[in-house]
Amino acid sequence: EADKSARRIVVTGVPHGLLHHDVMTDILIIHFQKSKNNGGDVEEVKYPTEKKGVAYVTFEDQAVVESVLKKDQHLLEDQRLSRSYPLTVTRYSGNVSSLVINLPVFPL
């Protein structure tokens, strides 16, 4: 799982509620596999997530994460979308859950 999180990005700004989740997942896979988006082979897309408009994309190669993060602007474009949507792409950090685990437990 640690290796997987190094190959994962967080995508925000995914248009919510416009298309079926499966269709939006396909559009995201296509976007992040295109060379014009500095993309590469996508292993997995997690969408929808607990947060609206957020997706997690895991690549097969960690080097793709670096190149995708270097691209200035990601515009989600597809004929099934009425317009293009700017996406914000950030490095995934798996440390969120560990914060909860490490909280001290005080006896009552």
PDB file of N, CA and C in Angstrom:
ATOM      1  N   GLU A   1       0.837  -1.210   0.000  1.00  0.00           N
ATOM      2  CA  GLU A   1       0.000   0.000   0.000  1.00  0.00           C
ATOM      3  C   GLU A   1       0.872   1.261   0.000  1.00  0.00           C
ATOM      4  N   ALA A   2       2.017   1.210   0.675  1.00  0.00           N
ATOM      5  CA  ALA A   2       2.917   2.374   0.706  1.00  0.00           C
ATOM      6  C   ALA A   2       3.421   2.680  -0.701  1.00  0.00           C
ATOM      7  N   ASP A   3       3.745   1.629  -1.450  1.00  0.00           N
ATOM      8  CA  ASP A   3       4.197   1.808  -2.827  1.00  0.00           C
ATOM      9  C   ASP A   3       3.089   2.401  -3.683  1.00  0.00           C
ATOM     10  N   LYS A   4       1.868   1.947  -3.446  1.00  0.00           N
ATOM     11  CA  LYS A   4       0.724   2.426  -4.218  1.00  0.00           C
ATOM     12  C   LYS A   4       0.483   3.920  -3.975  1.00  0.00           C
ATOM     13  N   SER A   5       0.608   4.362  -2.725  1.00  0.00           N
ATOM     14  CA  SER A   5       0.349   5.781  -2.438  1.00  0.00           C
ATOM     15  C   SER A   5       1.392   6.684  -3.093  1.00  0.00           C
ATOM     16  N   ALA A   6       2.578   6.183  -3.345  1.00  0.00           N
ATOM     17  CA  ALA A   6       3.605   6.970  -4.041  1.00  0.00           C
ATOM     18  C   ALA A   6       3.260   7.145  -5.516  1.00  0.00           C
ATOM     19  N   ARG A   7       2.393   6.293  -6.023  1.00  0.00           N
ATOM     20  CA  ARG A   7       1.990   6.360  -7.431  1.00  0.00           C
ATOM     21  C   ARG A   7       0.610   6.985  -7.597  1.00  0.00           C
ATOM     22  N   ARG A   8       0.117   7.655  -6.564  1.00  0.00           N
ATOM     23  CA  ARG A   8      -1.250   8.177  -6.555  1.00  0.00           C
ATOM     24  C   ARG A   8      -1.248   9.700  -6.513  1.00  0.00           C
ATOM     25  N   ILE A   9      -2.228  10.278  -7.196  1.00  0.00           N
ATOM     26  CA  ILE A   9      -2.457  11.726  -7.126  1.00  0.00           C
ATOM     27  C   ILE A   9      -3.885  11.978  -6.661  1.00  0.00           C
ATOM     28  N   VAL A  10      -4.104  13.180  -6.159  1.00  0.00           N
ATOM     29  CA  VAL A  10      -5.439  13.623  -5.766  1.00  0.00           C
ATOM     30  C   VAL A  10      -5.884  14.640  -6.810  1.00  0.00           C
ATOM     31  N   VAL A  11      -7.073  14.438  -7.343  1.00  0.00           N
ATOM     32  CA  VAL A  11      -7.613  15.338  -8.364  1.00  0.00           C
ATOM     33  C   VAL A  11      -8.846  16.010  -7.783  1.00  0.00           C
ATOM     34  N   THR A  12      -8.830  17.335  -7.745  1.00  0.00           N
ATOM     35  CA  THR A  12     -10.013  18.075  -7.288  1.00  0.00           C
ATOM     36  C   THR A  12     -10.547  18.921  -8.436  1.00  0.00           C
ATOM     37  N   GLY A  13     -11.825  19.265  -8.341  1.00  0.00           N
ATOM     38  CA  GLY A  13     -12.464  20.030  -9.408  1.00  0.00           C
ATOM     39  C   GLY A  13     -13.187  19.150 -10.410  1.00  0.00           C
ATOM     40  N   VAL A  14     -13.317  17.860 -10.077  1.00  0.00           N
ATOM     41  CA  VAL A  14     -14.049  16.946 -10.966  1.00  0.00           C
ATOM     42  C   VAL A  14     -15.521  17.351 -10.942  1.00  0.00           C
ATOM     43  N   PRO A  15     -16.118  17.591 -12.116  1.00  0.00           N
ATOM     44  CA  PRO A  15     -17.526  18.008 -12.127  1.00  0.00           C
ATOM     45  C   PRO A  15     -18.417  16.948 -11.485  1.00  0.00           C
ATOM     46  N   HIS A  16     -19.181  17.365 -10.510  1.00  0.00           N
ATOM     47  CA  HIS A  16     -19.988  16.426  -9.732  1.00  0.00           C
ATOM     48  C   HIS A  16     -21.434  16.415 -10.209  1.00  0.00           C
ATOM     49  N   GLY A  17     -21.978  15.216 -10.378  1.00  0.00           N
ATOM     50  CA  GLY A  17     -23.401  15.094 -10.670  1.00  0.00           C
ATOM     51  C   GLY A  17     -23.806  15.298 -12.115  1.00  0.00           C
ATOM     52  N   LEU A  18     -22.846  15.535 -13.006  1.00  0.00           N
ATOM     53  CA  LEU A  18     -23.193  15.754 -14.415  1.00  0.00           C
ATOM     54  C   LEU A  18     -23.413  14.446 -15.155  1.00  0.00           C
ATOM     55  N   LEU A  19     -22.533  13.490 -14.887  1.00  0.00           N
ATOM     56  CA  LEU A  19     -22.544  12.220 -15.608  1.00  0.00           C
ATOM     57  C   LEU A  19     -22.510  11.076 -14.601  1.00  0.00           C
ATOM     58  N   HIS A  20     -22.844   9.894 -15.065  1.00  0.00           N
ATOM     59  CA  HIS A  20     -22.765   8.720 -14.197  1.00  0.00           C
ATOM     60  C   HIS A  20     -21.315   8.521 -13.749  1.00  0.00           C
ATOM     61  N   HIS A  21     -21.127   8.004 -12.554  1.00  0.00           N
ATOM     62  CA  HIS A  21     -19.780   7.836 -11.994  1.00  0.00           C
ATOM     63  C   HIS A  21     -18.862   7.033 -12.909  1.00  0.00           C
ATOM     64  N   ASP A  22     -19.413   5.981 -13.530  1.00  0.00           N
ATOM     65  CA  ASP A  22     -18.603   5.140 -14.425  1.00  0.00           C
ATOM     66  C   ASP A  22     -18.098   5.939 -15.620  1.00  0.00           C
ATOM     67  N   VAL A  23     -18.950   6.807 -16.149  1.00  0.00           N
ATOM     68  CA  VAL A  23     -18.579   7.629 -17.303  1.00  0.00           C
ATOM     69  C   VAL A  23     -17.492   8.621 -16.892  1.00  0.00           C
ATOM     70  N   MET A  24     -17.664   9.256 -15.735  1.00  0.00           N
ATOM     71  CA  MET A  24     -16.659  10.219 -15.265  1.00  0.00           C
ATOM     72  C   MET A  24     -15.327   9.523 -14.999  1.00  0.00           C
ATOM     73  N   THR A  25     -15.383   8.316 -14.467  1.00  0.00           N
ATOM     74  CA  THR A  25     -14.152   7.542 -14.246  1.00  0.00           C
ATOM     75  C   THR A  25     -13.440   7.296 -15.575  1.00  0.00           C
ATOM     76  N   ASP A  26     -14.192   6.918 -16.608  1.00  0.00           N
ATOM     77  CA  ASP A  26     -13.611   6.707 -17.937  1.00  0.00           C
ATOM     78  C   ASP A  26     -12.956   7.980 -18.468  1.00  0.00           C
ATOM     79  N   ILE A  27     -13.644   9.109 -18.311  1.00  0.00           N
ATOM     80  CA  ILE A  27     -13.117  10.387 -18.793  1.00  0.00           C
ATOM     81  C   ILE A  27     -11.809  10.716 -18.072  1.00  0.00           C
ATOM     82  N   LEU A  28     -11.766  10.460 -16.760  1.00  0.00           N
ATOM     83  CA  LEU A  28     -10.539  10.718 -15.989  1.00  0.00           C
ATOM     84  C   LEU A  28      -9.395   9.809 -16.441  1.00  0.00           C
ATOM     85  N   ILE A  29      -9.693   8.539 -16.673  1.00  0.00           N
ATOM     86  CA  ILE A  29      -8.660   7.611 -17.148  1.00  0.00           C
ATOM     87  C   ILE A  29      -8.090   8.092 -18.480  1.00  0.00           C
ATOM     88  N   ILE A  30      -8.971   8.452 -19.408  1.00  0.00           N
ATOM     89  CA  ILE A  30      -8.535   8.932 -20.721  1.00  0.00           C
ATOM     90  C   ILE A  30      -7.660  10.173 -20.565  1.00  0.00           C
ATOM     91  N   HIS A  31      -8.095  11.113 -19.728  1.00  0.00           N
ATOM     92  CA  HIS A  31      -7.343  12.355 -19.522  1.00  0.00           C
ATOM     93  C   HIS A  31      -5.922  12.066 -19.048  1.00  0.00           C
ATOM     94  N   PHE A  32      -5.813  11.217 -18.031  1.00  0.00           N
ATOM     95  CA  PHE A  32      -4.502  10.993 -17.414  1.00  0.00           C
ATOM     96  C   PHE A  32      -3.639   9.968 -18.151  1.00  0.00           C
ATOM     97  N   GLN A  33      -4.183   9.373 -19.228  1.00  0.00           N
ATOM     98  CA  GLN A  33      -3.350   8.509 -20.061  1.00  0.00           C
ATOM     99  C   GLN A  33      -2.789   9.257 -21.271  1.00  0.00           C
ATOM    100  N   LYS A  34      -3.321  10.439 -21.566  1.00  0.00           N
ATOM    101  CA  LYS A  34      -2.875  11.181 -22.747  1.00  0.00           C
ATOM    102  C   LYS A  34      -1.491  11.795 -22.519  1.00  0.00           C
ATOM    103  N   SER A  35      -0.653  11.674 -23.539  1.00  0.00           N
ATOM    104  CA  SER A  35       0.694  12.237 -23.423  1.00  0.00           C
ATOM    105  C   SER A  35       0.662  13.769 -23.341  1.00  0.00           C
ATOM    106  N   LYS A  36      -0.356  14.403 -23.949  1.00  0.00           N
ATOM    107  CA  LYS A  36      -0.428  15.872 -23.885  1.00  0.00           C
ATOM    108  C   LYS A  36      -0.692  16.360 -22.457  1.00  0.00           C
ATOM    109  N   ASN A  37      -1.163  15.468 -21.596  1.00  0.00           N
ATOM    110  CA  ASN A  37      -1.367  15.807 -20.183  1.00  0.00           C
ATOM    111  C   ASN A  37      -0.236  15.253 -19.308  1.00  0.00           C
ATOM    112  N   ASN A  38       0.881  14.896 -19.975  1.00  0.00           N
ATOM    113  CA  ASN A  38       2.037  14.296 -19.290  1.00  0.00           C
ATOM    114  C   ASN A  38       1.657  12.982 -18.611  1.00  0.00           C
ATOM    115  N   GLY A  39       0.638  12.325 -19.115  1.00  0.00           N
ATOM    116  CA  GLY A  39       0.100  11.139 -18.468  1.00  0.00           C
ATOM    117  C   GLY A  39       0.809   9.858 -18.827  1.00  0.00           C
ATOM    118  N   GLY A  40       0.239   8.763 -18.340  1.00  0.00           N
ATOM    119  CA  GLY A  40       0.779   7.435 -18.589  1.00  0.00           C
ATOM    120  C   GLY A  40      -0.254   6.401 -18.189  1.00  0.00           C
ATOM    121  N   ASP A  41       0.186   5.152 -18.094  1.00  0.00           N
ATOM    122  CA  ASP A  41      -0.747   4.070 -17.794  1.00  0.00           C
ATOM    123  C   ASP A  41      -1.373   4.228 -16.410  1.00  0.00           C
ATOM    124  N   VAL A  42      -2.703   4.234 -16.401  1.00  0.00           N
ATOM    125  CA  VAL A  42      -3.460   4.375 -15.162  1.00  0.00           C
ATOM    126  C   VAL A  42      -3.800   2.980 -14.642  1.00  0.00           C
ATOM    127  N   GLU A  43      -3.467   2.739 -13.378  1.00  0.00           N
ATOM    128  CA  GLU A  43      -3.785   1.452 -12.760  1.00  0.00           C
ATOM    129  C   GLU A  43      -5.202   1.459 -12.204  1.00  0.00           C
ATOM    130  N   GLU A  44      -5.585   2.601 -11.596  1.00  0.00           N
ATOM    131  CA  GLU A  44      -6.876   2.639 -10.906  1.00  0.00           C
ATOM    132  C   GLU A  44      -7.337   4.078 -10.720  1.00  0.00           C
ATOM    133  N   VAL A  45      -8.648   4.285 -10.831  1.00  0.00           N
ATOM    134  CA  VAL A  45      -9.249   5.576 -10.485  1.00  0.00           C
ATOM    135  C   VAL A  45     -10.303   5.305  -9.432  1.00  0.00           C
ATOM    136  N   LYS A  46     -10.185   6.021  -8.312  1.00  0.00           N
ATOM    137  CA  LYS A  46     -11.203   5.894  -7.269  1.00  0.00           C
ATOM    138  C   LYS A  46     -12.104   7.127  -7.364  1.00  0.00           C
ATOM    139  N   TYR A  47     -13.311   6.913  -7.845  1.00  0.00           N
ATOM    140  CA  TYR A  47     -14.303   7.979  -7.982  1.00  0.00           C
ATOM    141  C   TYR A  47     -15.678   7.327  -8.023  1.00  0.00           C
ATOM    142  N   PRO A  48     -16.649   7.834  -7.328  1.00  0.00           N
ATOM    143  CA  PRO A  48     -16.577   8.987  -6.422  1.00  0.00           C
ATOM    144  C   PRO A  48     -15.889   8.606  -5.103  1.00  0.00           C
ATOM    145  N   THR A  49     -15.505   9.628  -4.361  1.00  0.00           N
ATOM    146  CA  THR A  49     -14.906   9.431  -3.045  1.00  0.00           C
ATOM    147  C   THR A  49     -15.816  10.086  -2.014  1.00  0.00           C
ATOM    148  N   GLU A  50     -15.376  10.044  -0.756  1.00  0.00           N
ATOM    149  CA  GLU A  50     -16.220  10.654   0.289  1.00  0.00           C
ATOM    150  C   GLU A  50     -16.341  12.169   0.117  1.00  0.00           C
ATOM    151  N   LYS A  51     -15.432  12.772  -0.634  1.00  0.00           N
ATOM    152  CA  LYS A  51     -15.500  14.220  -0.879  1.00  0.00           C
ATOM    153  C   LYS A  51     -16.003  14.485  -2.290  1.00  0.00           C
ATOM    154  N   LYS A  52     -16.972  15.378  -2.410  1.00  0.00           N
ATOM    155  CA  LYS A  52     -17.531  15.712  -3.726  1.00  0.00           C
ATOM    156  C   LYS A  52     -16.457  16.346  -4.613  1.00  0.00           C
ATOM    157  N   GLY A  53     -16.422  15.903  -5.872  1.00  0.00           N
ATOM    158  CA  GLY A  53     -15.518  16.506  -6.841  1.00  0.00           C
ATOM    159  C   GLY A  53     -14.070  16.074  -6.698  1.00  0.00           C
ATOM    160  N   VAL A  54     -13.819  15.025  -5.892  1.00  0.00           N
ATOM    161  CA  VAL A  54     -12.449  14.549  -5.678  1.00  0.00           C
ATOM    162  C   VAL A  54     -12.311  13.128  -6.206  1.00  0.00           C
ATOM    163  N   ALA A  55     -11.199  12.878  -6.891  1.00  0.00           N
ATOM    164  CA  ALA A  55     -10.882  11.536  -7.372  1.00  0.00           C
ATOM    165  C   ALA A  55      -9.438  11.220  -7.014  1.00  0.00           C
ATOM    166  N   TYR A  56      -9.156   9.933  -6.869  1.00  0.00           N
ATOM    167  CA  TYR A  56      -7.784   9.476  -6.651  1.00  0.00           C
ATOM    168  C   TYR A  56      -7.377   8.662  -7.869  1.00  0.00           C
ATOM    169  N   VAL A  57      -6.242   9.032  -8.461  1.00  0.00           N
ATOM    170  CA  VAL A  57      -5.748   8.331  -9.640  1.00  0.00           C
ATOM    171  C   VAL A  57      -4.419   7.678  -9.282  1.00  0.00           C
ATOM    172  N   THR A  58      -4.332   6.367  -9.513  1.00  0.00           N
ATOM    173  CA  THR A  58      -3.091   5.634  -9.260  1.00  0.00           C
ATOM    174  C   THR A  58      -2.503   5.200 -10.603  1.00  0.00           C
ATOM    175  N   PHE A  59      -1.232   5.556 -10.809  1.00  0.00           N
ATOM    176  CA  PHE A  59      -0.536   5.196 -12.047  1.00  0.00           C
ATOM    177  C   PHE A  59       0.273   3.926 -11.848  1.00  0.00           C
ATOM    178  N   GLU A  60       0.594   3.262 -12.962  1.00  0.00           N
ATOM    179  CA  GLU A  60       1.412   2.056 -12.884  1.00  0.00           C
ATOM    180  C   GLU A  60       2.873   2.408 -12.591  1.00  0.00           C
ATOM    181  N   ASP A  61       3.291   3.608 -12.983  1.00  0.00           N
ATOM    182  CA  ASP A  61       4.684   4.011 -12.828  1.00  0.00           C
ATOM    183  C   ASP A  61       4.764   5.312 -12.028  1.00  0.00           C
ATOM    184  N   GLN A  62       5.592   5.326 -11.009  1.00  0.00           N
ATOM    185  CA  GLN A  62       5.717   6.521 -10.166  1.00  0.00           C
ATOM    186  C   GLN A  62       6.231   7.730 -10.939  1.00  0.00           C
ATOM    187  N   ALA A  63       7.023   7.509 -11.975  1.00  0.00           N
ATOM    188  CA  ALA A  63       7.559   8.614 -12.776  1.00  0.00           C
ATOM    189  C   ALA A  63       6.436   9.427 -13.426  1.00  0.00           C
ATOM    190  N   VAL A  64       5.325   8.785 -13.717  1.00  0.00           N
ATOM    191  CA  VAL A  64       4.182   9.481 -14.335  1.00  0.00           C
ATOM    192  C   VAL A  64       3.611  10.508 -13.356  1.00  0.00           C
ATOM    193  N   VAL A  65       3.601  10.175 -12.075  1.00  0.00           N
ATOM    194  CA  VAL A  65       3.110  11.118 -11.059  1.00  0.00           C
ATOM    195  C   VAL A  65       3.896  12.425 -11.158  1.00  0.00           C
ATOM    196  N   GLU A  66       5.223  12.309 -11.229  1.00  0.00           N
ATOM    197  CA  GLU A  66       6.076  13.505 -11.304  1.00  0.00           C
ATOM    198  C   GLU A  66       5.765  14.330 -12.549  1.00  0.00           C
ATOM    199  N   SER A  67       5.592  13.668 -13.693  1.00  0.00           N
ATOM    200  CA  SER A  67       5.346  14.427 -14.927  1.00  0.00           C
ATOM    201  C   SER A  67       3.958  15.072 -14.931  1.00  0.00           C
ATOM    202  N   VAL A  68       2.960  14.362 -14.377  1.00  0.00           N
ATOM    203  CA  VAL A  68       1.603  14.922 -14.307  1.00  0.00           C
ATOM    204  C   VAL A  68       1.588  16.156 -13.391  1.00  0.00           C
ATOM    205  N   LEU A  69       2.332  16.098 -12.297  1.00  0.00           N
ATOM    206  CA  LEU A  69       2.382  17.228 -11.359  1.00  0.00           C
ATOM    207  C   LEU A  69       3.089  18.444 -11.969  1.00  0.00           C
ATOM    208  N   LYS A  70       3.972  18.204 -12.934  1.00  0.00           N
ATOM    209  CA  LYS A  70       4.711  19.318 -13.558  1.00  0.00           C
ATOM    210  C   LYS A  70       3.866  20.102 -14.543  1.00  0.00           C
ATOM    211  N   LYS A  71       2.788  19.492 -15.048  1.00  0.00           N
ATOM    212  CA  LYS A  71       1.935  20.190 -16.028  1.00  0.00           C
ATOM    213  C   LYS A  71       1.228  21.356 -15.339  1.00  0.00           C
ATOM    214  N   ASP A  72       1.311  22.527 -15.984  1.00  0.00           N
ATOM    215  CA  ASP A  72       0.766  23.742 -15.377  1.00  0.00           C
ATOM    216  C   ASP A  72      -0.731  23.656 -15.122  1.00  0.00           C
ATOM    217  N   GLN A  73      -1.469  23.268 -16.145  1.00  0.00           N
ATOM    218  CA  GLN A  73      -2.919  23.244 -15.985  1.00  0.00           C
ATOM    219  C   GLN A  73      -3.507  22.006 -16.624  1.00  0.00           C
ATOM    220  N   HIS A  74      -4.379  21.364 -15.869  1.00  0.00           N
ATOM    221  CA  HIS A  74      -5.106  20.217 -16.395  1.00  0.00           C
ATOM    222  C   HIS A  74      -6.537  20.649 -16.675  1.00  0.00           C
ATOM    223  N   LEU A  75      -6.943  20.522 -17.939  1.00  0.00           N
ATOM    224  CA  LEU A  75      -8.320  20.833 -18.322  1.00  0.00           C
ATOM    225  C   LEU A  75      -9.003  19.535 -18.714  1.00  0.00           C
ATOM    226  N   LEU A  76     -10.054  19.204 -17.997  1.00  0.00           N
ATOM    227  CA  LEU A  76     -10.810  17.993 -18.303  1.00  0.00           C
ATOM    228  C   LEU A  76     -11.728  18.294 -19.474  1.00  0.00           C
ATOM    229  N   GLU A  77     -11.445  17.655 -20.617  1.00  0.00           N
ATOM    230  CA  GLU A  77     -12.223  17.897 -21.831  1.00  0.00           C
ATOM    231  C   GLU A  77     -12.698  16.566 -22.404  1.00  0.00           C
ATOM    232  N   ASP A  78     -13.949  16.531 -22.757  1.00  0.00           N
ATOM    233  CA  ASP A  78     -14.521  15.327 -23.348  1.00  0.00           C
ATOM    234  C   ASP A  78     -15.807  15.738 -24.049  1.00  0.00           C
ATOM    235  N   GLN A  79     -16.147  15.049 -25.137  1.00  0.00           N
ATOM    236  CA  GLN A  79     -17.375  15.401 -25.870  1.00  0.00           C
ATOM    237  C   GLN A  79     -18.623  15.192 -25.022  1.00  0.00           C
ATOM    238  N   ARG A  80     -18.514  14.368 -23.971  1.00  0.00           N
ATOM    239  CA  ARG A  80     -19.669  14.124 -23.105  1.00  0.00           C
ATOM    240  C   ARG A  80     -19.853  15.238 -22.067  1.00  0.00           C
ATOM    241  N   LEU A  81     -18.872  16.138 -21.985  1.00  0.00           N
ATOM    242  CA  LEU A  81     -18.972  17.279 -21.063  1.00  0.00           C
ATOM    243  C   LEU A  81     -19.368  18.519 -21.851  1.00  0.00           C
ATOM    244  N   SER A  82     -20.181  19.374 -21.253  1.00  0.00           N
ATOM    245  CA  SER A  82     -20.653  20.568 -21.957  1.00  0.00           C
ATOM    246  C   SER A  82     -19.549  21.619 -22.116  1.00  0.00           C
ATOM    247  N   ARG A  83     -18.534  21.562 -21.258  1.00  0.00           N
ATOM    248  CA  ARG A  83     -17.420  22.511 -21.342  1.00  0.00           C
ATOM    249  C   ARG A  83     -16.189  21.837 -20.733  1.00  0.00           C
ATOM    250  N   SER A  84     -15.068  22.556 -20.743  1.00  0.00           N
ATOM    251  CA  SER A  84     -13.879  21.995 -20.104  1.00  0.00           C
ATOM    252  C   SER A  84     -13.824  22.447 -18.645  1.00  0.00           C
ATOM    253  N   TYR A  85     -13.284  21.587 -17.818  1.00  0.00           N
ATOM    254  CA  TYR A  85     -13.219  21.857 -16.376  1.00  0.00           C
ATOM    255  C   TYR A  85     -11.767  21.853 -15.913  1.00  0.00           C
ATOM    256  N   PRO A  86     -11.338  22.954 -15.266  1.00  0.00           N
ATOM    257  CA  PRO A  86      -9.968  22.953 -14.732  1.00  0.00           C
ATOM    258  C   PRO A  86      -9.871  22.024 -13.523  1.00  0.00           C
ATOM    259  N   LEU A  87      -8.831  21.219 -13.508  1.00  0.00           N
ATOM    260  CA  LEU A  87      -8.602  20.293 -12.404  1.00  0.00           C
ATOM    261  C   LEU A  87      -7.380  20.735 -11.610  1.00  0.00           C
ATOM    262  N   THR A  88      -7.405  20.495 -10.328  1.00  0.00           N
ATOM    263  CA  THR A  88      -6.228  20.713  -9.494  1.00  0.00           C
ATOM    264  C   THR A  88      -5.668  19.335  -9.155  1.00  0.00           C
ATOM    265  N   VAL A  89      -4.382  19.164  -9.434  1.00  0.00           N
ATOM    266  CA  VAL A  89      -3.730  17.876  -9.231  1.00  0.00           C
ATOM    267  C   VAL A  89      -2.652  18.033  -8.169  1.00  0.00           C
ATOM    268  N   THR A  90      -2.729  17.224  -7.120  1.00  0.00           N
ATOM    269  CA  THR A  90      -1.727  17.287  -6.053  1.00  0.00           C
ATOM    270  C   THR A  90      -1.240  15.881  -5.710  1.00  0.00           C
ATOM    271  N   ARG A  91      -0.092  15.853  -5.085  1.00  0.00           N
ATOM    272  CA  ARG A  91       0.497  14.587  -4.662  1.00  0.00           C
ATOM    273  C   ARG A  91      -0.354  13.993  -3.541  1.00  0.00           C
ATOM    274  N   TYR A  92      -0.569  12.709  -3.593  1.00  0.00           N
ATOM    275  CA  TYR A  92      -1.343  12.026  -2.556  1.00  0.00           C
ATOM    276  C   TYR A  92      -0.459  11.845  -1.327  1.00  0.00           C
ATOM    277  N   SER A  93      -1.031  12.113  -0.176  1.00  0.00           N
ATOM    278  CA  SER A  93      -0.316  11.871   1.066  1.00  0.00           C
ATOM    279  C   SER A  93      -1.142  10.905   1.899  1.00  0.00           C
ATOM    280  N   GLY A  94      -0.575   9.772   2.202  1.00  0.00           N
ATOM    281  CA  GLY A  94      -1.301   8.768   2.960  1.00  0.00           C
ATOM    282  C   GLY A  94      -1.252   9.002   4.451  1.00  0.00           C
ATOM    283  N   ASN A  95      -0.757  10.175   4.863  1.00  0.00           N
ATOM    284  CA  ASN A  95      -0.549  10.409   6.294  1.00  0.00           C
ATOM    285  C   ASN A  95      -1.800  10.817   7.048  1.00  0.00           C
ATOM    286  N   VAL A  96      -2.880  11.065   6.344  1.00  0.00           N
ATOM    287  CA  VAL A  96      -4.092  11.557   6.991  1.00  0.00           C
ATOM    288  C   VAL A  96      -4.612  10.551   8.018  1.00  0.00           C
ATOM    289  N   SER A  97      -4.675   9.281   7.642  1.00  0.00           N
ATOM    290  CA  SER A  97      -5.225   8.288   8.558  1.00  0.00           C
ATOM    291  C   SER A  97      -4.299   8.023   9.743  1.00  0.00           C
ATOM    292  N   SER A  98      -2.993   8.164   9.557  1.00  0.00           N
ATOM    293  CA  SER A  98      -2.069   7.882  10.650  1.00  0.00           C
ATOM    294  C   SER A  98      -2.173   8.926  11.764  1.00  0.00           C
ATOM    295  N   LEU A  99      -2.644  10.116  11.436  1.00  0.00           N
ATOM    296  CA  LEU A  99      -2.828  11.148  12.464  1.00  0.00           C
ATOM    297  C   LEU A  99      -3.848  10.690  13.500  1.00  0.00           C
ATOM    298  N   VAL A 100      -4.882  10.046  13.032  1.00  0.00           N
ATOM    299  CA  VAL A 100      -5.943   9.581  13.926  1.00  0.00           C
ATOM    300  C   VAL A 100      -5.418   8.453  14.815  1.00  0.00           C
ATOM    301  N   ILE A 101      -4.651   7.563  14.243  1.00  0.00           N
ATOM    302  CA  ILE A 101      -4.142   6.403  14.979  1.00  0.00           C
ATOM    303  C   ILE A 101      -3.190   6.826  16.106  1.00  0.00           C
ATOM    304  N   ASN A 102      -2.420   7.871  15.873  1.00  0.00           N
ATOM    305  CA  ASN A 102      -1.390   8.265  16.827  1.00  0.00           C
ATOM    306  C   ASN A 102      -1.871   9.192  17.938  1.00  0.00           C
ATOM    307  N   LEU A 103      -3.157   9.483  17.979  1.00  0.00           N
ATOM    308  CA  LEU A 103      -3.664  10.344  19.056  1.00  0.00           C
ATOM    309  C   LEU A 103      -3.555   9.617  20.399  1.00  0.00           C
ATOM    310  N   PRO A 104      -3.133  10.318  21.438  1.00  0.00           N
ATOM    311  CA  PRO A 104      -3.038   9.641  22.738  1.00  0.00           C
ATOM    312  C   PRO A 104      -4.428   9.291  23.267  1.00  0.00           C
ATOM    313  N   VAL A 105      -4.502   8.216  23.973  1.00  0.00           N
ATOM    314  CA  VAL A 105      -5.772   7.774  24.551  1.00  0.00           C
ATOM    315  C   VAL A 105      -5.713   8.048  26.048  1.00  0.00           C
ATOM    316  N   PHE A 106      -6.652   8.842  26.509  1.00  0.00           N
ATOM    317  CA  PHE A 106      -6.679   9.197  27.935  1.00  0.00           C
ATOM    318  C   PHE A 106      -7.715   8.348  28.655  1.00  0.00           C
ATOM    319  N   PRO A 107      -7.358   7.760  29.778  1.00  0.00           N
ATOM    320  CA  PRO A 107      -8.353   6.988  30.526  1.00  0.00           C
ATOM    321  C   PRO A 107      -9.439   7.902  31.079  1.00  0.00           C
ATOM    322  N   LEU A 108     -10.639   7.398  31.172  1.00  0.00           N
ATOM    323  CA  LEU A 108     -11.767   8.205  31.679  1.00  0.00           C
ATOM    324  C   LEU A 108     -11.786   8.217  33.185  1.00  0.00           C
TER     325      LEU A 108
END
